[in-house]
Amino acid sequence: MINVGVIGVGPEWEQYGTALQTLHHPVGICAVYDSVHALAEQTAASLTAVAAKGISELASRRDICAVLLLQPGWAGTASLDVLSRYGKPVFIRPWLAAPASYYEDIFERSSQAGLMLMPSMWRRFMPATMRLQELFATDLGEPLQLTVQLDLSDTWNSAEKLVGWLDFARNLFRTYPDHSQLESVGEHALRMTVEYPTGNPGETPREAVLEISSKQHTTDDLRHQLQAIVSGCTVTGTVSRDRVRPESWDLPVAQIHCQCKSGSATLSSRTGLSWQTHATSKAVESLHREELRFERTETQVMLDLFCRRIVGGLIPVADFSDVSRALRLIESVL
């Protein structure tokens, strides 16, 4: 049994609470904390757990070996600084606004201490993503170009979206970029092009193209928004608890396209995928549509990886160096 403490039991809890019941390793919830204490007490009672009065109180409990940070409330990055003192693995669901230097520093300190801090890079583990990677090996061949159309009209959580899709691209190409550029496209859009080396001299590099647009903002506004992201600024105004949506709701529908060596694919949702191979003289090009709603969710996969690492597994997981690299990449084009 892996005994954990949970921080944040608002709207995000239903998604994660359900996923915890399906993991390969049994998980017990010993304590919960929420900035709304009445909510923590209500959830704790339903789980036969303890409602902690603070983050330190929860993390210091001897019956807890790991922490799920689902919503820090007002604490922000301070919650992570507090949790790091107790030497227990932490899964971090929300985006915590901070510059790359913060993530580089906490990654270095946690690495030296042998502490696992695992941020949610959920796009890597969507059912459609996992299936796409299978198709690279069987039908489509290696990916050559990824195009993501990203609408940042709603500035809420724009940093998580941009960093998340850059991480998605790096994970898809299985290497780190060596060149990037940013250019204006009309009055309301920017195009960020990121090149990934193939490892073979003379070959055209693979690339990810992020089409960043907003009907409400000019290109100058969008550049200022990117600058705010790399500076670690939060969104102007108050974000209510009702705005904390499950991760998969933020997927831009029908706006992710991947051109491959032997075909192409389009992600229409976290579970929706269509693909086709290039027509040859012996075959007619046909479109395949797949709906993967009965596959394991990205939340289940992430939590399962987290638990496997807790019990001693060596499987690689996301860390804050992935976050800092994406922020540095944005910073380099401004």
Protein backbone atom coordinates (compact mmCIF):
# COMPACT_ATOMS: atom_id res chain seq x y z
CA MET A 1 0.00 0.00 0.00
CA ILE A 2 1.29 3.45 -0.96
CA ASN A 3 0.01 5.98 1.57
CA VAL A 4 -0.30 9.52 0.22
CA GLY A 5 -1.49 12.94 1.23
CA VAL A 6 -3.60 15.05 -1.13
CA ILE A 7 -3.45 18.84 -1.39
CA GLY A 8 -6.43 20.36 -3.17
CA VAL A 9 -9.80 18.57 -3.30
CA GLY A 10 -11.81 20.99 -5.41
CA PRO A 11 -13.07 20.32 -8.98
CA GLU A 12 -9.83 18.54 -9.90
CA TRP A 13 -10.28 15.90 -7.19
CA GLU A 14 -13.02 13.89 -8.95
CA GLN A 15 -10.75 13.16 -11.91
CA TYR A 16 -7.78 12.13 -9.78
CA GLY A 17 -9.76 10.35 -7.09
CA THR A 18 -11.31 8.11 -9.72
CA ALA A 19 -7.94 7.40 -11.33
CA LEU A 20 -6.36 6.41 -8.00
CA GLN A 21 -8.83 3.54 -7.70
CA THR A 22 -7.62 1.93 -10.94
CA LEU A 23 -3.84 1.83 -10.44
CA HIS A 24 -1.69 -1.30 -10.39
CA HIS A 25 -0.36 -0.35 -6.94
CA PRO A 26 -3.01 0.13 -4.22
CA VAL A 27 -3.03 3.68 -2.88
CA GLY A 28 -4.30 4.79 0.51
CA ILE A 29 -5.17 8.41 1.28
CA CYS A 30 -4.21 9.26 4.84
CA ALA A 31 -4.67 13.02 4.90
CA VAL A 32 -6.06 15.84 2.77
CA TYR A 33 -5.60 19.59 2.82
CA ASP A 34 -7.48 22.32 1.03
CA SER A 35 -7.41 26.10 1.41
CA VAL A 36 -11.16 25.77 2.06
CA HIS A 37 -10.95 23.75 5.27
CA ALA A 38 -14.63 22.77 5.25
CA LEU A 39 -14.07 21.09 1.89
CA ALA A 40 -11.04 19.25 3.27
CA GLU A 41 -13.09 18.03 6.24
CA GLN A 42 -15.91 16.83 4.01
CA THR A 43 -13.56 14.94 1.69
CA ALA A 44 -11.53 13.51 4.56
CA ALA A 45 -14.68 12.16 6.19
CA SER A 46 -15.67 10.36 2.97
CA LEU A 47 -12.19 8.80 2.74
CA THR A 48 -11.76 8.03 6.46
CA ALA A 49 -8.72 10.29 6.38
CA VAL A 50 -7.47 13.27 8.39
CA ALA A 51 -8.18 16.87 7.36
CA ALA A 52 -4.85 18.66 7.79
CA LYS A 53 -4.84 22.35 8.66
CA GLY A 54 -1.79 23.20 6.61
CA ILE A 55 0.65 21.92 3.99
CA SER A 56 3.44 21.39 6.53
CA GLU A 57 1.12 19.47 8.85
CA LEU A 58 0.18 17.14 5.99
CA ALA A 59 3.69 16.62 4.61
CA SER A 60 5.21 15.96 8.04
CA ARG A 61 2.94 13.01 8.83
CA ARG A 62 4.88 9.77 9.30
CA ASP A 63 2.16 7.65 7.71
CA ILE A 64 2.53 9.47 4.38
CA CYS A 65 5.26 8.51 1.89
CA ALA A 66 4.25 10.78 -1.02
CA VAL A 67 2.12 13.83 -1.81
CA LEU A 68 -0.26 14.68 -4.64
CA LEU A 69 -0.29 18.44 -5.14
CA LEU A 70 -3.52 18.96 -7.08
CA GLN A 71 -4.31 22.58 -6.19
CA PRO A 72 -2.09 24.75 -3.94
CA GLY A 73 -4.64 27.54 -3.53
CA TRP A 74 -3.09 30.84 -2.55
CA ALA A 75 0.30 29.25 -1.77
CA GLY A 76 1.54 28.93 -5.37
CA THR A 77 5.22 27.99 -5.65
CA ALA A 78 5.57 28.38 -1.87
CA SER A 79 3.68 25.10 -1.51
CA LEU A 80 6.40 23.33 -3.49
CA ASP A 81 9.16 24.96 -1.46
CA VAL A 82 7.52 23.72 1.74
CA LEU A 83 6.95 20.19 0.43
CA SER A 84 10.57 19.89 -0.75
CA ARG A 85 11.80 20.17 2.84
CA TYR A 86 10.25 16.85 3.83
CA GLY A 87 12.02 14.67 1.26
CA LYS A 88 8.88 12.93 0.00
CA PRO A 89 8.02 12.40 -3.68
CA VAL A 90 5.54 14.95 -5.01
CA PHE A 91 3.27 14.80 -8.06
CA ILE A 92 2.44 18.35 -9.19
CA ARG A 93 -0.77 18.76 -11.20
CA PRO A 94 -1.15 22.54 -11.59
CA TRP A 95 0.96 25.05 -13.45
CA LEU A 96 2.97 27.11 -10.94
CA ALA A 97 3.90 30.49 -12.42
CA ALA A 98 7.66 31.02 -12.09
CA PRO A 99 10.65 31.88 -14.32
CA ALA A 100 12.97 29.23 -15.74
CA SER A 101 15.60 30.05 -13.12
CA TYR A 102 13.23 28.92 -10.35
CA TYR A 103 12.61 25.57 -12.02
CA GLU A 104 16.33 25.11 -12.72
CA ASP A 105 17.15 25.78 -9.08
CA ILE A 106 14.51 23.45 -7.63
CA PHE A 107 15.44 20.74 -10.14
CA GLU A 108 19.11 20.95 -9.13
CA ARG A 109 18.29 20.86 -5.41
CA SER A 110 15.86 17.96 -5.74
CA SER A 111 18.29 15.99 -7.92
CA GLN A 112 21.09 16.41 -5.41
CA ALA A 113 18.74 15.23 -2.64
CA GLY A 114 17.43 12.30 -4.68
CA LEU A 115 13.92 13.72 -4.43
CA MET A 116 11.32 13.04 -7.15
CA LEU A 117 9.26 16.08 -8.09
CA MET A 118 7.08 15.06 -11.04
CA PRO A 119 5.14 17.77 -12.89
CA SER A 120 2.08 16.85 -14.90
CA MET A 121 3.04 16.64 -18.58
CA TRP A 122 -0.30 15.05 -19.42
CA ARG A 123 -0.20 15.61 -23.18
CA ARG A 124 2.53 12.96 -23.45
CA PHE A 125 0.13 10.32 -22.16
CA MET A 126 -3.17 11.05 -23.89
CA PRO A 127 -4.58 7.89 -25.50
CA ALA A 128 -4.25 9.59 -28.90
CA THR A 129 -0.57 10.39 -28.22
CA MET A 130 0.24 6.84 -27.18
CA ARG A 131 -1.46 5.47 -30.29
CA LEU A 132 0.34 7.97 -32.52
CA GLN A 133 3.70 6.78 -31.22
CA GLU A 134 2.70 3.20 -32.05
CA LEU A 135 1.85 4.29 -35.60
CA PHE A 136 5.30 5.84 -36.00
CA ALA A 137 6.74 2.35 -35.57
CA THR A 138 4.20 0.45 -37.68
CA ASP A 139 2.58 2.51 -40.46
CA LEU A 140 3.49 6.20 -40.54
CA GLY A 141 7.24 6.20 -40.06
CA GLU A 142 9.18 8.85 -38.16
CA PRO A 143 7.52 12.25 -37.57
CA LEU A 144 8.81 15.09 -39.77
CA GLN A 145 6.62 18.07 -38.93
CA LEU A 146 4.19 18.80 -36.12
CA THR A 147 1.71 21.68 -36.40
CA VAL A 148 -0.23 22.92 -33.37
CA GLN A 149 -2.77 25.73 -33.71
CA LEU A 150 -2.98 27.31 -30.28
CA ASP A 151 -5.62 29.92 -29.48
CA LEU A 152 -4.58 32.12 -26.57
CA SER A 153 -7.64 34.40 -26.65
CA ASP A 154 -8.37 33.15 -23.13
CA THR A 155 -5.18 34.09 -21.29
CA TRP A 156 -6.08 31.83 -18.36
CA ASN A 157 -3.43 29.13 -18.05
CA SER A 158 -1.77 30.20 -21.30
CA ALA A 159 1.67 29.43 -19.85
CA GLU A 160 0.75 25.81 -19.12
CA LYS A 161 -0.68 25.40 -22.61
CA LEU A 162 2.38 26.77 -24.39
CA VAL A 163 4.91 24.93 -22.22
CA GLY A 164 2.82 21.77 -22.41
CA TRP A 165 2.68 21.69 -26.21
CA LEU A 166 6.41 22.44 -26.50
CA ASP A 167 7.05 19.48 -24.21
CA PHE A 168 4.64 17.41 -26.32
CA ALA A 169 6.71 18.22 -29.43
CA ARG A 170 10.05 17.43 -27.78
CA ASN A 171 8.69 14.13 -26.51
CA LEU A 172 7.32 13.27 -29.95
CA PHE A 173 10.64 13.92 -31.71
CA ARG A 174 12.63 12.25 -28.91
CA THR A 175 15.37 14.87 -28.97
CA TYR A 176 16.10 18.45 -27.93
CA PRO A 177 15.75 21.37 -30.36
CA ASP A 178 18.76 23.19 -31.75
CA HIS A 179 17.09 26.20 -33.38
CA SER A 180 13.90 28.23 -32.98
CA GLN A 181 12.39 31.44 -34.27
CA LEU A 182 9.28 33.58 -33.81
CA GLU A 183 7.58 35.64 -36.52
CA SER A 184 4.38 37.63 -36.90
CA VAL A 185 1.64 36.27 -39.15
CA GLY A 186 -0.89 38.99 -39.89
CA GLU A 187 -2.20 41.22 -37.10
CA HIS A 188 -3.37 38.60 -34.59
CA ALA A 189 -1.01 35.64 -34.80
CA LEU A 190 2.55 34.51 -34.19
CA ARG A 191 4.33 31.50 -35.63
CA MET A 192 6.95 29.77 -33.49
CA THR A 193 9.08 27.30 -35.42
CA VAL A 194 11.29 24.87 -33.50
CA GLU A 195 13.81 22.64 -35.30
CA TYR A 196 14.94 19.25 -34.04
CA PRO A 197 18.12 17.66 -35.44
CA THR A 198 17.91 14.22 -37.04
CA GLY A 199 21.42 13.17 -36.07
CA ASN A 200 22.34 12.66 -39.72
CA PRO A 201 24.38 15.45 -41.36
CA GLY A 202 22.74 16.88 -44.46
CA GLU A 203 19.21 15.82 -43.58
CA THR A 204 16.47 18.43 -43.26
CA PRO A 205 15.72 18.94 -39.54
CA ARG A 206 12.32 17.98 -38.23
CA GLU A 207 10.22 20.83 -36.95
CA ALA A 208 7.35 21.80 -34.72
CA VAL A 209 5.27 24.79 -35.76
CA LEU A 210 3.12 26.48 -33.14
CA GLU A 211 0.54 28.82 -34.66
CA ILE A 212 -0.26 31.13 -31.73
CA SER A 213 -3.30 33.31 -32.31
CA SER A 214 -5.89 35.45 -30.55
CA LYS A 215 -8.86 37.31 -31.98
CA GLN A 216 -8.76 39.74 -29.06
CA HIS A 217 -5.02 40.51 -29.11
CA THR A 218 -2.52 41.98 -31.55
CA THR A 219 0.85 40.40 -32.25
CA ASP A 220 2.45 42.91 -29.87
CA ASP A 221 -0.01 41.83 -27.16
CA LEU A 222 0.87 38.19 -27.80
CA ARG A 223 4.59 38.94 -27.54
CA HIS A 224 3.98 40.70 -24.22
CA GLN A 225 2.02 37.67 -23.09
CA LEU A 226 4.96 35.39 -23.94
CA GLN A 227 7.28 37.74 -22.07
CA ALA A 228 5.01 37.53 -19.03
CA ILE A 229 5.13 33.73 -19.24
CA VAL A 230 8.94 33.54 -19.18
CA SER A 231 9.04 36.13 -16.40
CA GLY A 232 6.85 33.93 -14.23
CA CYS A 233 3.94 36.37 -14.06
CA THR A 234 0.46 35.11 -13.30
CA VAL A 235 -2.69 36.00 -15.24
CA THR A 236 -4.11 39.39 -14.45
CA GLY A 237 -7.24 39.14 -12.35
CA THR A 238 -8.67 36.42 -10.15
CA VAL A 239 -9.05 32.83 -11.27
CA SER A 240 -11.91 31.20 -9.41
CA ARG A 241 -11.93 27.57 -8.32
CA ASP A 242 -14.56 26.91 -10.99
CA ARG A 243 -11.94 27.64 -13.65
CA VAL A 244 -9.81 24.70 -12.52
CA ARG A 245 -10.78 22.31 -15.28
CA PRO A 246 -9.63 18.76 -15.95
CA GLU A 247 -6.51 18.85 -18.11
CA SER A 248 -7.99 17.17 -21.15
CA TRP A 249 -10.62 19.90 -21.54
CA ASP A 250 -7.90 22.27 -22.74
CA LEU A 251 -7.04 20.23 -25.84
CA PRO A 252 -7.63 22.35 -28.96
CA VAL A 253 -9.93 20.13 -31.03
CA ALA A 254 -8.80 19.23 -34.59
CA GLN A 255 -5.78 21.51 -34.45
CA ILE A 256 -2.84 19.11 -34.06
CA HIS A 257 -1.42 17.66 -37.27
CA CYS A 258 1.65 15.46 -37.71
CA GLN A 259 3.30 14.88 -41.09
CA CYS A 260 5.36 11.68 -41.13
CA LYS A 261 7.75 9.91 -43.46
CA SER A 262 5.09 7.52 -44.73
CA GLY A 263 1.83 9.28 -43.93
CA SER A 264 0.12 11.81 -41.69
CA ALA A 265 -2.10 11.98 -38.62
CA THR A 266 -4.45 14.45 -36.95
CA LEU A 267 -5.44 14.53 -33.28
CA SER A 268 -9.04 15.69 -32.89
CA SER A 269 -9.24 15.21 -29.12
CA ARG A 270 -7.35 13.45 -26.36
CA THR A 271 -8.90 10.16 -27.53
CA GLY A 272 -9.61 10.93 -31.20
CA LEU A 273 -7.13 10.19 -33.97
CA SER A 274 -7.29 9.98 -37.76
CA TRP A 275 -4.40 8.86 -39.95
CA GLN A 276 -3.48 7.78 -43.43
CA THR A 277 -0.46 6.44 -45.27
CA HIS A 278 0.87 7.83 -48.54
CA ALA A 279 -0.70 6.24 -51.60
CA THR A 280 1.52 3.92 -53.63
CA SER A 281 1.13 2.31 -57.03
CA LYS A 282 -0.22 -0.82 -55.34
CA ALA A 283 -2.54 0.77 -52.80
CA VAL A 284 -5.10 3.53 -52.60
CA GLU A 285 -4.68 6.04 -49.81
CA SER A 286 -7.41 5.53 -47.19
CA LEU A 287 -8.29 7.46 -44.04
CA HIS A 288 -8.44 5.57 -40.72
CA ARG A 289 -10.40 7.02 -37.81
CA GLU A 290 -9.91 5.77 -34.27
CA GLU A 291 -11.70 6.63 -31.05
CA LEU A 292 -9.75 5.49 -27.99
CA ARG A 293 -12.17 6.40 -25.21
CA PHE A 294 -11.82 2.98 -23.55
CA GLU A 295 -8.04 3.22 -23.21
CA ARG A 296 -6.38 4.27 -19.96
CA THR A 297 -6.58 8.02 -19.43
CA GLU A 298 -3.53 10.27 -19.25
CA THR A 299 -4.24 10.77 -15.54
CA GLN A 300 -4.14 7.03 -14.87
CA VAL A 301 -0.88 6.63 -16.80
CA MET A 302 0.84 9.52 -14.99
CA LEU A 303 -0.21 8.37 -11.53
CA ASP A 304 0.80 4.81 -12.32
CA LEU A 305 4.28 5.99 -13.37
CA PHE A 306 4.51 8.08 -10.21
CA CYS A 307 3.64 5.09 -8.02
CA ARG A 308 6.05 2.80 -9.86
CA ARG A 309 8.87 5.23 -9.14
CA ILE A 310 7.89 5.41 -5.47
CA VAL A 311 8.24 1.63 -5.06
CA GLY A 312 11.66 1.62 -6.69
CA GLY A 313 11.06 1.53 -10.44
CA LEU A 314 13.61 3.19 -12.73
CA ILE A 315 11.19 4.23 -15.47
CA PRO A 316 11.84 7.86 -16.55
CA VAL A 317 9.26 10.50 -15.69
CA ALA A 318 8.86 14.21 -16.33
CA ASP A 319 10.78 16.60 -14.10
CA PHE A 320 11.26 20.34 -13.78
CA SER A 321 14.15 20.39 -16.24
CA ASP A 322 11.48 19.74 -18.90
CA VAL A 323 9.62 22.86 -17.74
CA SER A 324 12.73 25.06 -17.59
CA ARG A 325 13.88 23.97 -21.07
CA ALA A 326 10.51 24.91 -22.57
CA LEU A 327 10.60 28.31 -20.83
CA ARG A 328 14.17 28.92 -22.03
CA LEU A 329 13.07 28.03 -25.55
CA ILE A 330 10.33 30.68 -25.45
CA GLU A 331 12.78 33.15 -23.94
CA SER A 332 15.27 32.57 -26.77
CA VAL A 333 12.86 33.79 -29.47
CA LEU A 334 11.76 37.01 -27.76
